[in-house]
Amino acid sequence: MSDLSASNVKLSSKLLEAYGVLIELTDESGENVVYRLISEFETESGAYAVLQKDTALPDTEVEILKIVDSADGHPELITIDDDDEWEDVAELYDELTLPFED
């Protein structure tokens, strides 16, 4: 894992302030899907959002996306294409949310 650690994470609310807790995204097949914003945070490598389908059960898998600013300054969500970056952010999210084990 990279130098990302929970101690260097800053919680943010950029998406929450812009769009609220429910965010509608278009999937690969062109269908609109409503997601619930679970968490958003910033690290030295960027800003990230954790989303879960609004109809999903609480323990259902989440989606992790990168937050970027559009040309007009509004936050947008993009897929994390770099496998190493995705792994690092997923591990960081686990570290933030899972109980500490010895």
N, C-alpha and C. Protein backbone atom coordinates (compact mmCIF):
# COMPACT_ATOMS: atom_id res chain seq x y z
N MET A 1 0.84 -1.19 0.00
CA MET A 1 0.00 0.00 0.00
C MET A 1 0.88 1.24 0.00
N SER A 2 0.39 2.33 -0.53
CA SER A 2 1.13 3.57 -0.57
C SER A 2 1.18 4.20 0.81
N ASP A 3 1.53 5.47 0.86
CA ASP A 3 1.63 6.19 2.12
C ASP A 3 0.27 6.64 2.65
N LEU A 4 -0.81 6.21 2.06
CA LEU A 4 -2.13 6.61 2.54
C LEU A 4 -2.39 5.96 3.89
N SER A 5 -2.86 6.75 4.83
CA SER A 5 -3.24 6.20 6.12
C SER A 5 -4.40 7.01 6.68
N ALA A 6 -5.14 6.38 7.57
CA ALA A 6 -6.32 7.02 8.15
C ALA A 6 -5.97 8.30 8.87
N SER A 7 -4.77 8.39 9.40
CA SER A 7 -4.37 9.60 10.13
C SER A 7 -4.19 10.81 9.21
N ASN A 8 -4.06 10.57 7.89
CA ASN A 8 -3.88 11.66 6.93
C ASN A 8 -5.14 11.98 6.14
N VAL A 9 -6.26 11.40 6.54
CA VAL A 9 -7.51 11.60 5.82
C VAL A 9 -8.27 12.80 6.38
N LYS A 10 -8.81 13.57 5.48
CA LYS A 10 -9.66 14.69 5.87
C LYS A 10 -11.07 14.41 5.32
N LEU A 11 -12.05 14.31 6.22
CA LEU A 11 -13.42 14.11 5.77
C LEU A 11 -13.90 15.38 5.08
N SER A 12 -14.71 15.21 4.06
CA SER A 12 -15.20 16.37 3.32
C SER A 12 -16.70 16.23 3.07
N SER A 13 -17.29 17.28 2.54
CA SER A 13 -18.74 17.26 2.27
C SER A 13 -19.08 17.98 0.97
N LYS A 14 -18.13 18.00 0.06
CA LYS A 14 -18.32 18.69 -1.22
C LYS A 14 -19.52 18.14 -2.00
N LEU A 15 -19.59 16.81 -2.14
CA LEU A 15 -20.70 16.20 -2.87
C LEU A 15 -22.02 16.38 -2.11
N LEU A 16 -21.97 16.18 -0.80
CA LEU A 16 -23.16 16.34 0.01
C LEU A 16 -23.75 17.74 -0.14
N GLU A 17 -22.90 18.74 -0.09
CA GLU A 17 -23.37 20.12 -0.23
C GLU A 17 -23.89 20.40 -1.64
N ALA A 18 -23.29 19.81 -2.65
CA ALA A 18 -23.69 20.06 -4.04
C ALA A 18 -24.93 19.28 -4.46
N TYR A 19 -25.04 18.00 -3.99
CA TYR A 19 -26.09 17.13 -4.52
C TYR A 19 -26.98 16.48 -3.47
N GLY A 20 -26.59 16.52 -2.21
CA GLY A 20 -27.37 15.85 -1.18
C GLY A 20 -26.90 14.42 -0.99
N VAL A 21 -27.63 13.69 -0.16
CA VAL A 21 -27.21 12.32 0.19
C VAL A 21 -27.52 11.32 -0.93
N LEU A 22 -28.50 11.62 -1.77
CA LEU A 22 -28.83 10.73 -2.90
C LEU A 22 -28.29 11.34 -4.19
N ILE A 23 -27.52 10.52 -4.91
CA ILE A 23 -26.88 10.97 -6.14
C ILE A 23 -27.26 10.02 -7.26
N GLU A 24 -27.76 10.59 -8.35
CA GLU A 24 -28.15 9.78 -9.50
C GLU A 24 -27.02 9.74 -10.51
N LEU A 25 -26.59 8.52 -10.87
CA LEU A 25 -25.53 8.32 -11.84
C LEU A 25 -26.04 7.48 -12.99
N THR A 26 -25.39 7.60 -14.13
CA THR A 26 -25.73 6.79 -15.29
C THR A 26 -24.73 5.64 -15.38
N ASP A 27 -25.24 4.40 -15.45
CA ASP A 27 -24.34 3.25 -15.51
C ASP A 27 -23.88 2.98 -16.95
N GLU A 28 -23.09 1.93 -17.13
CA GLU A 28 -22.51 1.61 -18.44
C GLU A 28 -23.56 1.35 -19.51
N SER A 29 -24.73 0.87 -19.10
CA SER A 29 -25.78 0.57 -20.07
C SER A 29 -26.71 1.77 -20.31
N GLY A 30 -26.38 2.92 -19.75
CA GLY A 30 -27.16 4.12 -19.97
C GLY A 30 -28.35 4.30 -19.04
N GLU A 31 -28.48 3.43 -18.05
CA GLU A 31 -29.59 3.53 -17.11
C GLU A 31 -29.19 4.39 -15.92
N ASN A 32 -30.15 5.18 -15.43
CA ASN A 32 -29.91 6.00 -14.25
C ASN A 32 -30.11 5.16 -13.00
N VAL A 33 -29.15 5.26 -12.09
CA VAL A 33 -29.17 4.51 -10.84
C VAL A 33 -28.95 5.50 -9.70
N VAL A 34 -29.78 5.38 -8.65
CA VAL A 34 -29.65 6.26 -7.50
C VAL A 34 -28.75 5.59 -6.46
N TYR A 35 -27.76 6.36 -6.00
CA TYR A 35 -26.82 5.90 -5.00
C TYR A 35 -26.95 6.77 -3.75
N ARG A 36 -26.65 6.17 -2.62
CA ARG A 36 -26.60 6.89 -1.35
C ARG A 36 -25.13 7.20 -1.06
N LEU A 37 -24.86 8.46 -0.73
CA LEU A 37 -23.50 8.86 -0.38
C LEU A 37 -23.19 8.36 1.03
N ILE A 38 -22.24 7.46 1.13
CA ILE A 38 -21.86 6.86 2.40
C ILE A 38 -20.77 7.69 3.09
N SER A 39 -19.78 8.09 2.30
CA SER A 39 -18.65 8.83 2.86
C SER A 39 -17.94 9.56 1.73
N GLU A 40 -17.28 10.64 2.10
CA GLU A 40 -16.37 11.29 1.16
C GLU A 40 -15.20 11.84 1.96
N PHE A 41 -14.02 11.72 1.36
CA PHE A 41 -12.81 12.11 2.07
C PHE A 41 -11.72 12.51 1.09
N GLU A 42 -10.74 13.24 1.63
CA GLU A 42 -9.62 13.70 0.83
C GLU A 42 -8.32 13.12 1.39
N THR A 43 -7.41 12.80 0.49
CA THR A 43 -6.06 12.34 0.85
C THR A 43 -5.08 13.16 0.03
N GLU A 44 -3.80 12.89 0.22
CA GLU A 44 -2.81 13.61 -0.58
C GLU A 44 -2.90 13.25 -2.06
N SER A 45 -3.53 12.14 -2.38
CA SER A 45 -3.63 11.74 -3.79
C SER A 45 -4.95 12.14 -4.45
N GLY A 46 -5.88 12.71 -3.71
CA GLY A 46 -7.13 13.16 -4.31
C GLY A 46 -8.31 13.04 -3.36
N ALA A 47 -9.49 13.30 -3.90
CA ALA A 47 -10.74 13.23 -3.14
C ALA A 47 -11.54 12.04 -3.66
N TYR A 48 -12.24 11.37 -2.73
CA TYR A 48 -12.94 10.14 -3.08
C TYR A 48 -14.31 10.09 -2.43
N ALA A 49 -15.21 9.36 -3.08
CA ALA A 49 -16.56 9.17 -2.55
C ALA A 49 -16.86 7.68 -2.48
N VAL A 50 -17.56 7.31 -1.43
CA VAL A 50 -18.02 5.93 -1.26
C VAL A 50 -19.53 5.97 -1.39
N LEU A 51 -20.04 5.22 -2.36
CA LEU A 51 -21.48 5.21 -2.66
C LEU A 51 -22.01 3.79 -2.61
N GLN A 52 -23.30 3.69 -2.34
CA GLN A 52 -23.96 2.39 -2.35
C GLN A 52 -25.32 2.59 -3.00
N LYS A 53 -25.72 1.63 -3.82
CA LYS A 53 -27.05 1.73 -4.45
C LYS A 53 -28.09 1.97 -3.37
N ASP A 54 -28.99 2.90 -3.63
CA ASP A 54 -29.97 3.29 -2.63
C ASP A 54 -30.87 2.14 -2.22
N THR A 55 -31.08 1.20 -3.11
CA THR A 55 -31.96 0.06 -2.81
C THR A 55 -31.22 -1.11 -2.18
N ALA A 56 -29.92 -0.98 -1.98
CA ALA A 56 -29.10 -2.07 -1.47
C ALA A 56 -29.25 -2.23 0.04
N LEU A 57 -28.98 -3.43 0.50
CA LEU A 57 -28.93 -3.69 1.94
C LEU A 57 -27.66 -3.05 2.50
N PRO A 58 -27.65 -2.69 3.79
CA PRO A 58 -26.50 -1.99 4.37
C PRO A 58 -25.15 -2.68 4.20
N ASP A 59 -25.11 -4.01 4.18
CA ASP A 59 -23.83 -4.70 4.06
C ASP A 59 -23.46 -5.05 2.62
N THR A 60 -24.18 -4.49 1.65
CA THR A 60 -23.89 -4.72 0.24
C THR A 60 -22.64 -3.93 -0.16
N GLU A 61 -21.93 -4.47 -1.14
CA GLU A 61 -20.70 -3.84 -1.63
C GLU A 61 -20.91 -2.38 -2.00
N VAL A 62 -19.88 -1.58 -1.80
CA VAL A 62 -19.94 -0.16 -2.11
C VAL A 62 -19.14 0.13 -3.38
N GLU A 63 -19.39 1.29 -3.94
CA GLU A 63 -18.64 1.80 -5.09
C GLU A 63 -17.72 2.90 -4.58
N ILE A 64 -16.47 2.91 -5.02
CA ILE A 64 -15.54 3.97 -4.66
C ILE A 64 -15.17 4.70 -5.94
N LEU A 65 -15.42 6.00 -5.96
CA LEU A 65 -15.16 6.82 -7.13
C LEU A 65 -14.32 8.03 -6.74
N LYS A 66 -13.64 8.60 -7.70
CA LYS A 66 -12.82 9.78 -7.47
C LYS A 66 -13.66 11.03 -7.73
N ILE A 67 -13.46 12.04 -6.90
CA ILE A 67 -14.15 13.32 -7.05
C ILE A 67 -13.20 14.29 -7.74
N VAL A 68 -13.66 14.87 -8.84
CA VAL A 68 -12.88 15.88 -9.56
C VAL A 68 -13.79 17.08 -9.78
N ASP A 69 -13.19 18.22 -10.05
CA ASP A 69 -13.97 19.41 -10.36
C ASP A 69 -14.15 19.52 -11.87
N SER A 70 -15.38 19.78 -12.30
CA SER A 70 -15.65 19.97 -13.72
C SER A 70 -15.15 21.34 -14.14
N ALA A 71 -15.22 21.63 -15.42
CA ALA A 71 -14.77 22.91 -15.95
C ALA A 71 -15.53 24.08 -15.31
N ASP A 72 -16.79 23.84 -14.93
CA ASP A 72 -17.58 24.91 -14.31
C ASP A 72 -17.47 24.92 -12.78
N GLY A 73 -16.56 24.08 -12.23
CA GLY A 73 -16.29 24.10 -10.81
C GLY A 73 -17.16 23.20 -9.95
N HIS A 74 -18.07 22.46 -10.55
CA HIS A 74 -18.92 21.54 -9.80
C HIS A 74 -18.22 20.19 -9.63
N PRO A 75 -18.44 19.54 -8.50
CA PRO A 75 -17.81 18.23 -8.31
C PRO A 75 -18.44 17.17 -9.22
N GLU A 76 -17.59 16.32 -9.78
CA GLU A 76 -18.02 15.22 -10.62
C GLU A 76 -17.38 13.94 -10.10
N LEU A 77 -18.00 12.83 -10.40
CA LEU A 77 -17.47 11.53 -10.01
C LEU A 77 -16.94 10.82 -11.24
N ILE A 78 -15.75 10.25 -11.10
CA ILE A 78 -15.17 9.48 -12.19
C ILE A 78 -14.67 8.14 -11.65
N THR A 79 -14.60 7.18 -12.53
CA THR A 79 -14.08 5.86 -12.17
C THR A 79 -12.57 5.97 -11.92
N ILE A 80 -12.11 5.24 -10.93
CA ILE A 80 -10.67 5.17 -10.67
C ILE A 80 -10.10 4.11 -11.60
N ASP A 81 -9.39 4.55 -12.63
CA ASP A 81 -8.87 3.63 -13.64
C ASP A 81 -7.57 2.94 -13.22
N ASP A 82 -6.79 3.57 -12.37
CA ASP A 82 -5.52 3.01 -11.93
C ASP A 82 -5.79 1.96 -10.85
N ASP A 83 -5.43 0.72 -11.12
CA ASP A 83 -5.69 -0.38 -10.18
C ASP A 83 -5.02 -0.18 -8.83
N ASP A 84 -3.78 0.32 -8.85
CA ASP A 84 -3.06 0.54 -7.59
C ASP A 84 -3.73 1.62 -6.76
N GLU A 85 -4.16 2.70 -7.40
CA GLU A 85 -4.86 3.77 -6.69
C GLU A 85 -6.16 3.23 -6.09
N TRP A 86 -6.91 2.45 -6.88
CA TRP A 86 -8.18 1.91 -6.37
C TRP A 86 -7.92 1.01 -5.17
N GLU A 87 -6.92 0.13 -5.26
CA GLU A 87 -6.57 -0.76 -4.14
C GLU A 87 -6.23 0.04 -2.89
N ASP A 88 -5.40 1.08 -3.07
CA ASP A 88 -4.98 1.90 -1.94
C ASP A 88 -6.18 2.58 -1.28
N VAL A 89 -7.07 3.14 -2.07
CA VAL A 89 -8.22 3.85 -1.52
C VAL A 89 -9.20 2.86 -0.88
N ALA A 90 -9.39 1.70 -1.49
CA ALA A 90 -10.28 0.69 -0.91
C ALA A 90 -9.74 0.21 0.44
N GLU A 91 -8.43 -0.02 0.52
CA GLU A 91 -7.82 -0.43 1.79
C GLU A 91 -7.94 0.68 2.83
N LEU A 92 -7.77 1.91 2.40
CA LEU A 92 -7.90 3.05 3.31
C LEU A 92 -9.33 3.14 3.84
N TYR A 93 -10.31 2.97 2.96
CA TYR A 93 -11.70 3.01 3.41
C TYR A 93 -11.97 1.89 4.42
N ASP A 94 -11.44 0.71 4.15
CA ASP A 94 -11.59 -0.39 5.11
C ASP A 94 -10.98 -0.01 6.46
N GLU A 95 -9.81 0.60 6.41
CA GLU A 95 -9.13 1.02 7.63
C GLU A 95 -9.98 2.03 8.41
N LEU A 96 -10.66 2.90 7.68
CA LEU A 96 -11.49 3.92 8.32
C LEU A 96 -12.76 3.35 8.92
N THR A 97 -13.25 2.25 8.36
CA THR A 97 -14.58 1.77 8.76
C THR A 97 -14.60 0.46 9.54
N LEU A 98 -13.56 -0.34 9.40
CA LEU A 98 -13.55 -1.63 10.09
C LEU A 98 -12.95 -1.48 11.48
N PRO A 99 -13.46 -2.21 12.44
CA PRO A 99 -12.89 -2.13 13.79
C PRO A 99 -11.45 -2.62 13.81
N PHE A 100 -10.66 -2.02 14.66
CA PHE A 100 -9.24 -2.38 14.79
C PHE A 100 -9.14 -3.79 15.37
N GLU A 101 -8.28 -4.60 14.76
CA GLU A 101 -8.04 -5.95 15.27
C GLU A 101 -6.58 -6.10 15.58
N ASP A 102 -6.26 -6.77 16.70
CA ASP A 102 -4.86 -7.01 17.07
C ASP A 102 -4.27 -8.12 16.24
